[in-house]
């Protein structure tokens, strides 16, 4: 069953915390995949999100950048049973208070997704 894009994990937040739920970012997985991402090996998407107000902070905008990669599903070392399409797409996303560092983040996200895909989803790496 194909369920579409979803958030697999968060880094930099406390265990059990889900910023997407806390801020009603239900469209985040779709925003992280750019239109036409299936047509290229690597692509980037830029977007904004609204951070809900808390007792300590007012509502504000945050800025997202994602690097999406894809590979042929037949190239996976251990193809999970839930991989039903001919290609696998994944995005690594960074969310920041300011977009000023996105040039640097873009370069780093490209390196991270490249290294991740080079492992071909071997769960031992």
PDB file of N, CA and C in Angstrom:
ATOM      1  N   UNK A   1       0.843  -1.171   0.000  1.00  0.00           N
ATOM      2  CA  UNK A   1       0.000   0.000   0.000  1.00  0.00           C
ATOM      3  C   UNK A   1       0.892   1.239   0.000  1.00  0.00           C
ATOM      4  N   UNK A   2       0.637   2.136  -0.916  1.00  0.00           N
ATOM      5  CA  UNK A   2       1.401   3.373  -1.022  1.00  0.00           C
ATOM      6  C   UNK A   2       0.699   4.448  -0.209  1.00  0.00           C
ATOM      7  N   UNK A   3       1.383   4.976   0.811  1.00  0.00           N
ATOM      8  CA  UNK A   3       0.755   5.965   1.681  1.00  0.00           C
ATOM      9  C   UNK A   3       1.235   7.381   1.389  1.00  0.00           C
ATOM     10  N   UNK A   4       2.145   7.544   0.463  1.00  0.00           N
ATOM     11  CA  UNK A   4       2.624   8.875   0.115  1.00  0.00           C
ATOM     12  C   UNK A   4       3.726   9.346   1.033  1.00  0.00           C
ATOM     13  N   UNK A   5       4.123  10.613   0.881  1.00  0.00           N
ATOM     14  CA  UNK A   5       5.232  11.125   1.684  1.00  0.00           C
ATOM     15  C   UNK A   5       4.859  11.204   3.162  1.00  0.00           C
ATOM     16  N   UNK A   6       5.835  10.891   3.997  1.00  0.00           N
ATOM     17  CA  UNK A   6       5.636  10.959   5.440  1.00  0.00           C
ATOM     18  C   UNK A   6       6.952  11.288   6.125  1.00  0.00           C
ATOM     19  N   UNK A   7       6.863  11.806   7.334  1.00  0.00           N
ATOM     20  CA  UNK A   7       8.053  12.119   8.123  1.00  0.00           C
ATOM     21  C   UNK A   7       8.472  10.850   8.846  1.00  0.00           C
ATOM     22  N   UNK A   8       9.719  10.446   8.627  1.00  0.00           N
ATOM     23  CA  UNK A   8      10.227   9.231   9.267  1.00  0.00           C
ATOM     24  C   UNK A   8      10.855   9.503  10.618  1.00  0.00           C
ATOM     25  N   UNK A   9      11.575  10.611  10.734  1.00  0.00           N
ATOM     26  CA  UNK A   9      12.226  10.904  12.009  1.00  0.00           C
ATOM     27  C   UNK A   9      12.599  12.378  12.077  1.00  0.00           C
ATOM     28  N   UNK A  10      12.841  12.830  13.321  1.00  0.00           N
ATOM     29  CA  UNK A  10      13.285  14.192  13.610  1.00  0.00           C
ATOM     30  C   UNK A  10      14.633  14.125  14.300  1.00  0.00           C
ATOM     31  N   UNK A  11      15.473  15.082  14.032  1.00  0.00           N
ATOM     32  CA  UNK A  11      16.738  15.232  14.741  1.00  0.00           C
ATOM     33  C   UNK A  11      16.761  16.632  15.339  1.00  0.00           C
ATOM     34  N   UNK A  12      17.293  16.747  16.533  1.00  0.00           N
ATOM     35  CA  UNK A  12      17.388  18.055  17.162  1.00  0.00           C
ATOM     36  C   UNK A  12      16.168  18.438  17.980  1.00  0.00           C
ATOM     37  N   UNK A  13      15.262  17.483  18.207  1.00  0.00           N
ATOM     38  CA  UNK A  13      14.115  17.726  19.084  1.00  0.00           C
ATOM     39  C   UNK A  13      14.108  16.651  20.168  1.00  0.00           C
ATOM     40  N   UNK A  14      13.433  16.923  21.262  1.00  0.00           N
ATOM     41  CA  UNK A  14      13.358  15.960  22.357  1.00  0.00           C
ATOM     42  C   UNK A  14      12.578  14.709  21.935  1.00  0.00           C
ATOM     43  N   UNK A  15      12.933  13.565  22.520  1.00  0.00           N
ATOM     44  CA  UNK A  15      12.212  12.325  22.253  1.00  0.00           C
ATOM     45  C   UNK A  15      10.728  12.523  22.528  1.00  0.00           C
ATOM     46  N   UNK A  16       9.917  12.002  21.628  1.00  0.00           N
ATOM     47  CA  UNK A  16       8.471  12.103  21.786  1.00  0.00           C
ATOM     48  C   UNK A  16       7.880  13.408  21.288  1.00  0.00           C
ATOM     49  N   UNK A  17       8.731  14.363  20.946  1.00  0.00           N
ATOM     50  CA  UNK A  17       8.252  15.642  20.429  1.00  0.00           C
ATOM     51  C   UNK A  17       8.109  15.549  18.923  1.00  0.00           C
ATOM     52  N   UNK A  18       7.039  16.116  18.382  1.00  0.00           N
ATOM     53  CA  UNK A  18       6.803  16.113  16.940  1.00  0.00           C
ATOM     54  C   UNK A  18       6.420  17.523  16.505  1.00  0.00           C
ATOM     55  N   UNK A  19       7.376  18.308  16.021  1.00  0.00           N
ATOM     56  CA  UNK A  19       7.067  19.682  15.612  1.00  0.00           C
ATOM     57  C   UNK A  19       5.973  19.767  14.548  1.00  0.00           C
ATOM     58  N   UNK A  20       5.848  18.770  13.682  1.00  0.00           N
ATOM     59  CA  UNK A  20       4.807  18.801  12.654  1.00  0.00           C
ATOM     60  C   UNK A  20       3.420  18.756  13.289  1.00  0.00           C
ATOM     61  N   UNK A  21       3.265  17.939  14.306  1.00  0.00           N
ATOM     62  CA  UNK A  21       1.990  17.865  15.019  1.00  0.00           C
ATOM     63  C   UNK A  21       1.785  19.106  15.875  1.00  0.00           C
ATOM     64  N   UNK A  22       2.820  19.516  16.596  1.00  0.00           N
ATOM     65  CA  UNK A  22       2.723  20.672  17.487  1.00  0.00           C
ATOM     66  C   UNK A  22       2.342  21.954  16.744  1.00  0.00           C
ATOM     67  N   UNK A  23       2.766  22.070  15.483  1.00  0.00           N
ATOM     68  CA  UNK A  23       2.547  23.293  14.705  1.00  0.00           C
ATOM     69  C   UNK A  23       1.574  23.127  13.552  1.00  0.00           C
ATOM     70  N   UNK A  24       0.922  21.983  13.469  1.00  0.00           N
ATOM     71  CA  UNK A  24      -0.020  21.689  12.385  1.00  0.00           C
ATOM     72  C   UNK A  24       0.652  21.822  11.014  1.00  0.00           C
ATOM     73  N   UNK A  25       1.802  21.176  10.869  1.00  0.00           N
ATOM     74  CA  UNK A  25       2.527  21.174   9.603  1.00  0.00           C
ATOM     75  C   UNK A  25       2.205  19.904   8.816  1.00  0.00           C
ATOM     76  N   UNK A  26       0.945  19.597   8.658  1.00  0.00           N
ATOM     77  CA  UNK A  26       0.545  18.355   7.998  1.00  0.00           C
ATOM     78  C   UNK A  26       1.009  18.281   6.542  1.00  0.00           C
ATOM     79  N   UNK A  27       1.246  19.420   5.913  1.00  0.00           N
ATOM     80  CA  UNK A  27       1.683  19.427   4.518  1.00  0.00           C
ATOM     81  C   UNK A  27       3.200  19.401   4.359  1.00  0.00           C
ATOM     82  N   UNK A  28       3.931  19.377   5.451  1.00  0.00           N
ATOM     83  CA  UNK A  28       5.395  19.396   5.380  1.00  0.00           C
ATOM     84  C   UNK A  28       5.963  18.303   4.467  1.00  0.00           C
ATOM     85  N   UNK A  29       5.524  17.041   4.560  1.00  0.00           N
ATOM     86  CA  UNK A  29       6.101  16.025   3.664  1.00  0.00           C
ATOM     87  C   UNK A  29       5.895  16.338   2.185  1.00  0.00           C
ATOM     88  N   UNK A  30       4.777  16.977   1.850  1.00  0.00           N
ATOM     89  CA  UNK A  30       4.505  17.315   0.462  1.00  0.00           C
ATOM     90  C   UNK A  30       5.303  18.537   0.027  1.00  0.00           C
ATOM     91  N   UNK A  31       5.530  19.477   0.945  1.00  0.00           N
ATOM     92  CA  UNK A  31       6.323  20.661   0.626  1.00  0.00           C
ATOM     93  C   UNK A  31       7.792  20.295   0.425  1.00  0.00           C
ATOM     94  N   UNK A  32       8.244  19.252   1.092  1.00  0.00           N
ATOM     95  CA  UNK A  32       9.643  18.838   0.983  1.00  0.00           C
ATOM     96  C   UNK A  32       9.949  18.184  -0.360  1.00  0.00           C
ATOM     97  N   UNK A  33       8.932  17.686  -1.052  1.00  0.00           N
ATOM     98  CA  UNK A  33       9.123  17.085  -2.381  1.00  0.00           C
ATOM     99  C   UNK A  33       8.698  18.101  -3.430  1.00  0.00           C
ATOM    100  N   UNK A  34       9.645  18.595  -4.184  1.00  0.00           N
ATOM    101  CA  UNK A  34       9.325  19.604  -5.184  1.00  0.00           C
ATOM    102  C   UNK A  34       8.575  18.990  -6.361  1.00  0.00           C
ATOM    103  N   UNK A  35       7.792  19.827  -7.052  1.00  0.00           N
ATOM    104  CA  UNK A  35       7.124  19.374  -8.271  1.00  0.00           C
ATOM    105  C   UNK A  35       8.184  18.922  -9.256  1.00  0.00           C
ATOM    106  N   UNK A  36       7.965  17.791  -9.859  1.00  0.00           N
ATOM    107  CA  UNK A  36       8.903  17.279 -10.846  1.00  0.00           C
ATOM    108  C   UNK A  36      10.136  16.625 -10.255  1.00  0.00           C
ATOM    109  N   UNK A  37      10.147  16.367  -8.946  1.00  0.00           N
ATOM    110  CA  UNK A  37      11.318  15.735  -8.313  1.00  0.00           C
ATOM    111  C   UNK A  37      11.609  14.373  -8.932  1.00  0.00           C
ATOM    112  N   UNK A  38      10.573  13.730  -9.450  1.00  0.00           N
ATOM    113  CA  UNK A  38      10.759  12.412 -10.064  1.00  0.00           C
ATOM    114  C   UNK A  38      11.573  12.480 -11.354  1.00  0.00           C
ATOM    115  N   UNK A  39      11.726  13.675 -11.902  1.00  0.00           N
ATOM    116  CA  UNK A  39      12.421  13.833 -13.175  1.00  0.00           C
ATOM    117  C   UNK A  39      13.921  14.061 -13.026  1.00  0.00           C
ATOM    118  N   UNK A  40      14.421  14.133 -11.789  1.00  0.00           N
ATOM    119  CA  UNK A  40      15.851  14.362 -11.606  1.00  0.00           C
ATOM    120  C   UNK A  40      16.365  13.508 -10.448  1.00  0.00           C
ATOM    121  N   UNK A  41      17.668  13.309 -10.433  1.00  0.00           N
ATOM    122  CA  UNK A  41      18.272  12.515  -9.366  1.00  0.00           C
ATOM    123  C   UNK A  41      18.303  13.294  -8.066  1.00  0.00           C
ATOM    124  N   UNK A  42      18.556  14.603  -8.145  1.00  0.00           N
ATOM    125  CA  UNK A  42      18.604  15.452  -6.954  1.00  0.00           C
ATOM    126  C   UNK A  42      17.877  16.754  -7.250  1.00  0.00           C
ATOM    127  N   UNK A  43      17.089  17.207  -6.272  1.00  0.00           N
ATOM    128  CA  UNK A  43      16.362  18.459  -6.446  1.00  0.00           C
ATOM    129  C   UNK A  43      16.210  19.128  -5.079  1.00  0.00           C
ATOM    130  N   UNK A  44      15.957  20.431  -5.081  1.00  0.00           N
ATOM    131  CA  UNK A  44      15.819  21.193  -3.846  1.00  0.00           C
ATOM    132  C   UNK A  44      14.480  21.905  -3.838  1.00  0.00           C
ATOM    133  N   UNK A  45      13.949  22.081  -2.652  1.00  0.00           N
ATOM    134  CA  UNK A  45      12.698  22.802  -2.461  1.00  0.00           C
ATOM    135  C   UNK A  45      12.887  23.776  -1.315  1.00  0.00           C
ATOM    136  N   UNK A  46      12.273  24.955  -1.453  1.00  0.00           N
ATOM    137  CA  UNK A  46      12.330  25.988  -0.419  1.00  0.00           C
ATOM    138  C   UNK A  46      10.891  26.338  -0.037  1.00  0.00           C
ATOM    139  N   UNK A  47      10.628  26.524   1.248  1.00  0.00           N
ATOM    140  CA  UNK A  47       9.265  26.800   1.688  1.00  0.00           C
ATOM    141  C   UNK A  47       9.274  27.484   3.050  1.00  0.00           C
ATOM    142  N   UNK A  48       8.130  28.028   3.429  1.00  0.00           N
ATOM    143  CA  UNK A  48       7.971  28.627   4.758  1.00  0.00           C
ATOM    144  C   UNK A  48       6.870  27.892   5.505  1.00  0.00           C
ATOM    145  N   UNK A  49       6.966  27.920   6.816  1.00  0.00           N
ATOM    146  CA  UNK A  49       5.974  27.322   7.699  1.00  0.00           C
ATOM    147  C   UNK A  49       5.655  28.315   8.806  1.00  0.00           C
ATOM    148  N   UNK A  50       4.498  28.176   9.396  1.00  0.00           N
ATOM    149  CA  UNK A  50       4.118  29.032  10.528  1.00  0.00           C
ATOM    150  C   UNK A  50       4.322  28.253  11.816  1.00  0.00           C
ATOM    151  N   UNK A  51       5.135  28.817  12.687  1.00  0.00           N
ATOM    152  CA  UNK A  51       5.331  28.217  14.004  1.00  0.00           C
ATOM    153  C   UNK A  51       4.266  28.807  14.927  1.00  0.00           C
ATOM    154  N   UNK A  52       3.524  27.928  15.581  1.00  0.00           N
ATOM    155  CA  UNK A  52       2.465  28.367  16.482  1.00  0.00           C
ATOM    156  C   UNK A  52       3.040  29.105  17.689  1.00  0.00           C
ATOM    157  N   UNK A  53       2.257  30.028  18.240  1.00  0.00           N
ATOM    158  CA  UNK A  53       2.732  30.736  19.439  1.00  0.00           C
ATOM    159  C   UNK A  53       2.767  29.793  20.643  1.00  0.00           C
ATOM    160  N   UNK A  54       3.682  30.069  21.532  1.00  0.00           N
ATOM    161  CA  UNK A  54       3.770  29.344  22.807  1.00  0.00           C
ATOM    162  C   UNK A  54       3.711  30.377  23.924  1.00  0.00           C
ATOM    163  N   UNK A  55       3.740  29.908  25.139  1.00  0.00           N
ATOM    164  CA  UNK A  55       3.730  30.847  26.269  1.00  0.00           C
ATOM    165  C   UNK A  55       5.007  31.699  26.289  1.00  0.00           C
ATOM    166  N   UNK A  56       6.070  31.188  25.666  1.00  0.00           N
ATOM    167  CA  UNK A  56       7.346  31.909  25.672  1.00  0.00           C
ATOM    168  C   UNK A  56       7.601  32.700  24.391  1.00  0.00           C
ATOM    169  N   UNK A  57       6.963  32.310  23.278  1.00  0.00           N
ATOM    170  CA  UNK A  57       7.272  32.946  21.985  1.00  0.00           C
ATOM    171  C   UNK A  57       5.995  33.241  21.195  1.00  0.00           C
ATOM    172  N   UNK A  58       6.036  34.332  20.453  1.00  0.00           N
ATOM    173  CA  UNK A  58       4.926  34.681  19.568  1.00  0.00           C
ATOM    174  C   UNK A  58       4.961  33.793  18.324  1.00  0.00           C
ATOM    175  N   UNK A  59       3.877  33.760  17.597  1.00  0.00           N
ATOM    176  CA  UNK A  59       3.837  33.041  16.330  1.00  0.00           C
ATOM    177  C   UNK A  59       4.885  33.635  15.390  1.00  0.00           C
ATOM    178  N   UNK A  60       5.509  32.802  14.598  1.00  0.00           N
ATOM    179  CA  UNK A  60       6.535  33.295  13.677  1.00  0.00           C
ATOM    180  C   UNK A  60       6.633  32.389  12.469  1.00  0.00           C
ATOM    181  N   UNK A  61       7.320  32.876  11.476  1.00  0.00           N
ATOM    182  CA  UNK A  61       7.601  32.067  10.295  1.00  0.00           C
ATOM    183  C   UNK A  61       8.940  31.377  10.477  1.00  0.00           C
ATOM    184  N   UNK A  62       9.023  30.152   9.996  1.00  0.00           N
ATOM    185  CA  UNK A  62      10.301  29.453   9.900  1.00  0.00           C
ATOM    186  C   UNK A  62      10.480  29.073   8.443  1.00  0.00           C
ATOM    187  N   UNK A  63      11.692  28.763   8.070  1.00  0.00           N
ATOM    188  CA  UNK A  63      12.041  28.563   6.675  1.00  0.00           C
ATOM    189  C   UNK A  63      12.595  27.167   6.484  1.00  0.00           C
ATOM    190  N   UNK A  64      12.147  26.507   5.431  1.00  0.00           N
ATOM    191  CA  UNK A  64      12.589  25.148   5.171  1.00  0.00           C
ATOM    192  C   UNK A  64      13.316  25.028   3.846  1.00  0.00           C
ATOM    193  N   UNK A  65      14.265  24.109   3.820  1.00  0.00           N
ATOM    194  CA  UNK A  65      14.960  23.727   2.601  1.00  0.00           C
ATOM    195  C   UNK A  65      15.050  22.206   2.625  1.00  0.00           C
ATOM    196  N   UNK A  66      14.778  21.601   1.493  1.00  0.00           N
ATOM    197  CA  UNK A  66      14.882  20.144   1.424  1.00  0.00           C
ATOM    198  C   UNK A  66      15.708  19.744   0.212  1.00  0.00           C
ATOM    199  N   UNK A  67      16.396  18.641   0.359  1.00  0.00           N
ATOM    200  CA  UNK A  67      17.138  18.038  -0.744  1.00  0.00           C
ATOM    201  C   UNK A  67      16.507  16.668  -0.975  1.00  0.00           C
ATOM    202  N   UNK A  68      15.962  16.470  -2.155  1.00  0.00           N
ATOM    203  CA  UNK A  68      15.303  15.221  -2.514  1.00  0.00           C
ATOM    204  C   UNK A  68      16.193  14.444  -3.472  1.00  0.00           C
ATOM    205  N   UNK A  69      16.302  13.165  -3.228  1.00  0.00           N
ATOM    206  CA  UNK A  69      17.020  12.266  -4.132  1.00  0.00           C
ATOM    207  C   UNK A  69      16.136  11.081  -4.437  1.00  0.00           C
ATOM    208  N   UNK A  70      16.461  10.419  -5.528  1.00  0.00           N
ATOM    209  CA  UNK A  70      15.759   9.190  -5.869  1.00  0.00           C
ATOM    210  C   UNK A  70      16.739   8.182  -6.439  1.00  0.00           C
ATOM    211  N   UNK A  71      16.352   6.925  -6.342  1.00  0.00           N
ATOM    212  CA  UNK A  71      17.156   5.864  -6.933  1.00  0.00           C
ATOM    213  C   UNK A  71      16.225   4.746  -7.378  1.00  0.00           C
ATOM    214  N   UNK A  72      16.708   3.929  -8.267  1.00  0.00           N
ATOM    215  CA  UNK A  72      15.963   2.771  -8.734  1.00  0.00           C
ATOM    216  C   UNK A  72      15.806   1.797  -7.573  1.00  0.00           C
ATOM    217  N   UNK A  73      14.593   1.343  -7.333  1.00  0.00           N
ATOM    218  CA  UNK A  73      14.328   0.436  -6.213  1.00  0.00           C
ATOM    219  C   UNK A  73      15.086  -0.877  -6.357  1.00  0.00           C
ATOM    220  N   UNK A  74      15.423  -1.271  -7.564  1.00  0.00           N
ATOM    221  CA  UNK A  74      16.177  -2.511  -7.775  1.00  0.00           C
ATOM    222  C   UNK A  74      17.616  -2.404  -7.291  1.00  0.00           C
ATOM    223  N   UNK A  75      18.096  -1.168  -7.058  1.00  0.00           N
ATOM    224  CA  UNK A  75      19.463  -0.965  -6.570  1.00  0.00           C
ATOM    225  C   UNK A  75      19.582  -1.042  -5.049  1.00  0.00           C
ATOM    226  N   UNK A  76      18.464  -1.169  -4.351  1.00  0.00           N
ATOM    227  CA  UNK A  76      18.505  -1.283  -2.893  1.00  0.00           C
ATOM    228  C   UNK A  76      19.155  -2.605  -2.495  1.00  0.00           C
ATOM    229  N   UNK A  77      19.968  -2.576  -1.460  1.00  0.00           N
ATOM    230  CA  UNK A  77      20.608  -3.809  -0.991  1.00  0.00           C
ATOM    231  C   UNK A  77      19.598  -4.753  -0.368  1.00  0.00           C
ATOM    232  N   UNK A  78      18.696  -4.216   0.435  1.00  0.00           N
ATOM    233  CA  UNK A  78      17.638  -4.988   1.075  1.00  0.00           C
ATOM    234  C   UNK A  78      16.332  -4.256   0.840  1.00  0.00           C
ATOM    235  N   UNK A  79      15.611  -4.655  -0.182  1.00  0.00           N
ATOM    236  CA  UNK A  79      14.385  -3.944  -0.546  1.00  0.00           C
ATOM    237  C   UNK A  79      13.255  -4.299   0.424  1.00  0.00           C
ATOM    238  N   UNK A  80      12.792  -3.314   1.213  1.00  0.00           N
ATOM    239  CA  UNK A  80      11.701  -3.579   2.146  1.00  0.00           C
ATOM    240  C   UNK A  80      10.406  -3.912   1.395  1.00  0.00           C
ATOM    241  N   UNK A  81       9.539  -4.647   2.025  1.00  0.00           N
ATOM    242  CA  UNK A  81       8.294  -5.063   1.374  1.00  0.00           C
ATOM    243  C   UNK A  81       7.374  -3.886   1.083  1.00  0.00           C
ATOM    244  N   UNK A  82       7.533  -2.768   1.806  1.00  0.00           N
ATOM    245  CA  UNK A  82       6.672  -1.615   1.555  1.00  0.00           C
ATOM    246  C   UNK A  82       7.139  -0.761   0.372  1.00  0.00           C
ATOM    247  N   UNK A  83       8.262  -1.114  -0.244  1.00  0.00           N
ATOM    248  CA  UNK A  83       8.720  -0.416  -1.449  1.00  0.00           C
ATOM    249  C   UNK A  83       8.061  -1.096  -2.640  1.00  0.00           C
ATOM    250  N   UNK A  84       7.032  -0.439  -3.164  1.00  0.00           N
ATOM    251  CA  UNK A  84       6.233  -1.029  -4.242  1.00  0.00           C
ATOM    252  C   UNK A  84       6.430  -0.335  -5.585  1.00  0.00           C
ATOM    253  N   UNK A  85       7.115   0.785  -5.592  1.00  0.00           N
ATOM    254  CA  UNK A  85       7.323   1.513  -6.850  1.00  0.00           C
ATOM    255  C   UNK A  85       8.708   1.208  -7.408  1.00  0.00           C
ATOM    256  N   UNK A  86       8.920   1.630  -8.646  1.00  0.00           N
ATOM    257  CA  UNK A  86      10.197   1.343  -9.302  1.00  0.00           C
ATOM    258  C   UNK A  86      11.322   2.246  -8.815  1.00  0.00           C
ATOM    259  N   UNK A  87      10.983   3.381  -8.220  1.00  0.00           N
ATOM    260  CA  UNK A  87      11.993   4.269  -7.664  1.00  0.00           C
ATOM    261  C   UNK A  87      11.645   4.599  -6.212  1.00  0.00           C
ATOM    262  N   UNK A  88      12.670   4.965  -5.465  1.00  0.00           N
ATOM    263  CA  UNK A  88      12.508   5.378  -4.075  1.00  0.00           C
ATOM    264  C   UNK A  88      12.953   6.833  -3.986  1.00  0.00           C
ATOM    265  N   UNK A  89      12.132   7.656  -3.359  1.00  0.00           N
ATOM    266  CA  UNK A  89      12.471   9.057  -3.147  1.00  0.00           C
ATOM    267  C   UNK A  89      12.531   9.324  -1.656  1.00  0.00           C
ATOM    268  N   UNK A  90      13.524  10.099  -1.248  1.00  0.00           N
ATOM    269  CA  UNK A  90      13.657  10.539   0.139  1.00  0.00           C
ATOM    270  C   UNK A  90      14.107  11.993   0.120  1.00  0.00           C
ATOM    271  N   UNK A  91      13.699  12.711   1.143  1.00  0.00           N
ATOM    272  CA  UNK A  91      14.121  14.103   1.287  1.00  0.00           C
ATOM    273  C   UNK A  91      14.698  14.302   2.680  1.00  0.00           C
ATOM    274  N   UNK A  92      15.766  15.061   2.753  1.00  0.00           N
ATOM    275  CA  UNK A  92      16.315  15.506   4.029  1.00  0.00           C
ATOM    276  C   UNK A  92      15.992  16.991   4.113  1.00  0.00           C
ATOM    277  N   UNK A  93      15.395  17.383   5.231  1.00  0.00           N
ATOM    278  CA  UNK A  93      14.878  18.735   5.381  1.00  0.00           C
ATOM    279  C   UNK A  93      15.572  19.437   6.546  1.00  0.00           C
ATOM    280  N   UNK A  94      15.865  20.706   6.369  1.00  0.00           N
ATOM    281  CA  UNK A  94      16.356  21.550   7.460  1.00  0.00           C
ATOM    282  C   UNK A  94      15.362  22.696   7.629  1.00  0.00           C
ATOM    283  N   UNK A  95      15.003  22.963   8.881  1.00  0.00           N
ATOM    284  CA  UNK A  95      14.098  24.060   9.198  1.00  0.00           C
ATOM    285  C   UNK A  95      14.875  25.049  10.061  1.00  0.00           C
ATOM    286  N   UNK A  96      14.837  26.325   9.668  1.00  0.00           N
ATOM    287  CA  UNK A  96      15.640  27.344  10.350  1.00  0.00           C
ATOM    288  C   UNK A  96      14.810  28.596  10.600  1.00  0.00           C
ATOM    289  N   UNK A  97      15.262  29.392  11.556  1.00  0.00           N
ATOM    290  CA  UNK A  97      14.588  30.657  11.858  1.00  0.00           C
ATOM    291  C   UNK A  97      14.823  31.710  10.783  1.00  0.00           C
ATOM    292  N   UNK A  98      15.881  31.546  10.010  1.00  0.00           N
ATOM    293  CA  UNK A  98      16.243  32.516   8.985  1.00  0.00           C
ATOM    294  C   UNK A  98      16.759  31.774   7.749  1.00  0.00           C
ATOM    295  N   UNK A  99      16.448  32.278   6.558  1.00  0.00           N
ATOM    296  CA  UNK A  99      16.946  31.625   5.339  1.00  0.00           C
ATOM    297  C   UNK A  99      18.360  32.063   4.947  1.00  0.00           C
ATOM    298  N   UNK A 100      19.007  32.887   5.761  1.00  0.00           N
ATOM    299  CA  UNK A 100      20.304  33.445   5.382  1.00  0.00           C
ATOM    300  C   UNK A 100      21.380  32.386   5.171  1.00  0.00           C
ATOM    301  N   UNK A 101      21.284  31.259   5.829  1.00  0.00           N
ATOM    302  CA  UNK A 101      22.324  30.228   5.712  1.00  0.00           C
ATOM    303  C   UNK A 101      21.972  29.140   4.706  1.00  0.00           C
ATOM    304  N   UNK A 102      20.965  29.361   3.876  1.00  0.00           N
ATOM    305  CA  UNK A 102      20.515  28.297   2.974  1.00  0.00           C
ATOM    306  C   UNK A 102      21.535  27.924   1.912  1.00  0.00           C
ATOM    307  N   UNK A 103      22.402  28.829   1.506  1.00  0.00           N
ATOM    308  CA  UNK A 103      23.451  28.472   0.547  1.00  0.00           C
ATOM    309  C   UNK A 103      24.350  27.390   1.125  1.00  0.00           C
ATOM    310  N   UNK A 104      24.760  27.579   2.362  1.00  0.00           N
ATOM    311  CA  UNK A 104      25.590  26.603   3.061  1.00  0.00           C
ATOM    312  C   UNK A 104      24.796  25.326   3.345  1.00  0.00           C
ATOM    313  N   UNK A 105      23.552  25.465   3.796  1.00  0.00           N
ATOM    314  CA  UNK A 105      22.713  24.298   4.085  1.00  0.00           C
ATOM    315  C   UNK A 105      22.462  23.466   2.832  1.00  0.00           C
ATOM    316  N   UNK A 106      22.268  24.127   1.710  1.00  0.00           N
ATOM    317  CA  UNK A 106      22.028  23.407   0.458  1.00  0.00           C
ATOM    318  C   UNK A 106      23.206  22.473   0.144  1.00  0.00           C
ATOM    319  N   UNK A 107      24.403  22.981   0.284  1.00  0.00           N
ATOM    320  CA  UNK A 107      25.605  22.188   0.030  1.00  0.00           C
ATOM    321  C   UNK A 107      25.687  20.995   0.988  1.00  0.00           C
ATOM    322  N   UNK A 108      25.422  21.245   2.270  1.00  0.00           N
ATOM    323  CA  UNK A 108      25.490  20.175   3.277  1.00  0.00           C
ATOM    324  C   UNK A 108      24.390  19.136   3.061  1.00  0.00           C
ATOM    325  N   UNK A 109      23.174  19.577   2.756  1.00  0.00           N
ATOM    326  CA  UNK A 109      22.085  18.633   2.509  1.00  0.00           C
ATOM    327  C   UNK A 109      22.387  17.740   1.317  1.00  0.00           C
ATOM    328  N   UNK A 110      22.993  18.303   0.291  1.00  0.00           N
ATOM    329  CA  UNK A 110      23.372  17.513  -0.875  1.00  0.00           C
ATOM    330  C   UNK A 110      24.369  16.423  -0.497  1.00  0.00           C
ATOM    331  N   UNK A 111      25.358  16.780   0.332  1.00  0.00           N
ATOM    332  CA  UNK A 111      26.355  15.786   0.765  1.00  0.00           C
ATOM    333  C   UNK A 111      25.705  14.695   1.623  1.00  0.00           C
ATOM    334  N   UNK A 112      24.810  15.091   2.519  1.00  0.00           N
ATOM    335  CA  UNK A 112      24.159  14.122   3.409  1.00  0.00           C
ATOM    336  C   UNK A 112      23.276  13.165   2.624  1.00  0.00           C
ATOM    337  N   UNK A 113      22.446  13.683   1.741  1.00  0.00           N
ATOM    338  CA  UNK A 113      21.567  12.789   0.973  1.00  0.00           C
ATOM    339  C   UNK A 113      22.382  11.919   0.025  1.00  0.00           C
ATOM    340  N   UNK A 114      23.465  12.459  -0.527  1.00  0.00           N
ATOM    341  CA  UNK A 114      24.334  11.651  -1.388  1.00  0.00           C
ATOM    342  C   UNK A 114      24.944  10.479  -0.635  1.00  0.00           C
ATOM    343  N   UNK A 115      25.434  10.744   0.578  1.00  0.00           N
ATOM    344  CA  UNK A 115      26.019   9.670   1.393  1.00  0.00           C
ATOM    345  C   UNK A 115      24.962   8.658   1.817  1.00  0.00           C
ATOM    346  N   UNK A 116      23.777   9.147   2.152  1.00  0.00           N
ATOM    347  CA  UNK A 116      22.683   8.267   2.567  1.00  0.00           C
ATOM    348  C   UNK A 116      22.292   7.319   1.435  1.00  0.00           C
ATOM    349  N   UNK A 117      22.149   7.857   0.236  1.00  0.00           N
ATOM    350  CA  UNK A 117      21.762   7.020  -0.899  1.00  0.00           C
ATOM    351  C   UNK A 117      22.892   6.098  -1.335  1.00  0.00           C
ATOM    352  N   UNK A 118      24.138   6.500  -1.118  1.00  0.00           N
ATOM    353  CA  UNK A 118      25.273   5.636  -1.468  1.00  0.00           C
ATOM    354  C   UNK A 118      25.252   4.341  -0.657  1.00  0.00           C
ATOM    355  N   UNK A 119      24.622   4.374   0.520  1.00  0.00           N
ATOM    356  CA  UNK A 119      24.494   3.161   1.345  1.00  0.00           C
ATOM    357  C   UNK A 119      23.433   2.214   0.793  1.00  0.00           C
ATOM    358  N   UNK A 120      22.631   2.697  -0.117  1.00  0.00           N
ATOM    359  CA  UNK A 120      21.577   1.898  -0.769  1.00  0.00           C
ATOM    360  C   UNK A 120      20.645   1.248   0.258  1.00  0.00           C
ATOM    361  N   UNK A 121      20.408   1.982   1.358  1.00  0.00           N
ATOM    362  CA  UNK A 121      19.451   1.592   2.395  1.00  0.00           C
ATOM    363  C   UNK A 121      19.845   0.299   3.103  1.00  0.00           C
ATOM    364  N   UNK A 122      21.126   0.104   3.231  1.00  0.00           N
ATOM    365  CA  UNK A 122      21.600  -1.041   4.017  1.00  0.00           C
ATOM    366  C   UNK A 122      21.408  -0.668   5.479  1.00  0.00           C
ATOM    367  N   UNK A 123      20.545  -1.376   6.172  1.00  0.00           N
ATOM    368  CA  UNK A 123      20.201  -1.050   7.568  1.00  0.00           C
ATOM    369  C   UNK A 123      21.381  -1.162   8.522  1.00  0.00           C
ATOM    370  N   UNK A 124      22.492  -1.784   8.084  1.00  0.00           N
ATOM    371  CA  UNK A 124      23.664  -1.945   8.948  1.00  0.00           C
ATOM    372  C   UNK A 124      24.576  -0.723   8.899  1.00  0.00           C
ATOM    373  N   UNK A 125      24.320   0.251   8.050  1.00  0.00           N
ATOM    374  CA  UNK A 125      25.184   1.442   7.942  1.00  0.00           C
ATOM    375  C   UNK A 125      24.600   2.575   8.717  1.00  0.00           C
TER     376      UNK A 125
END
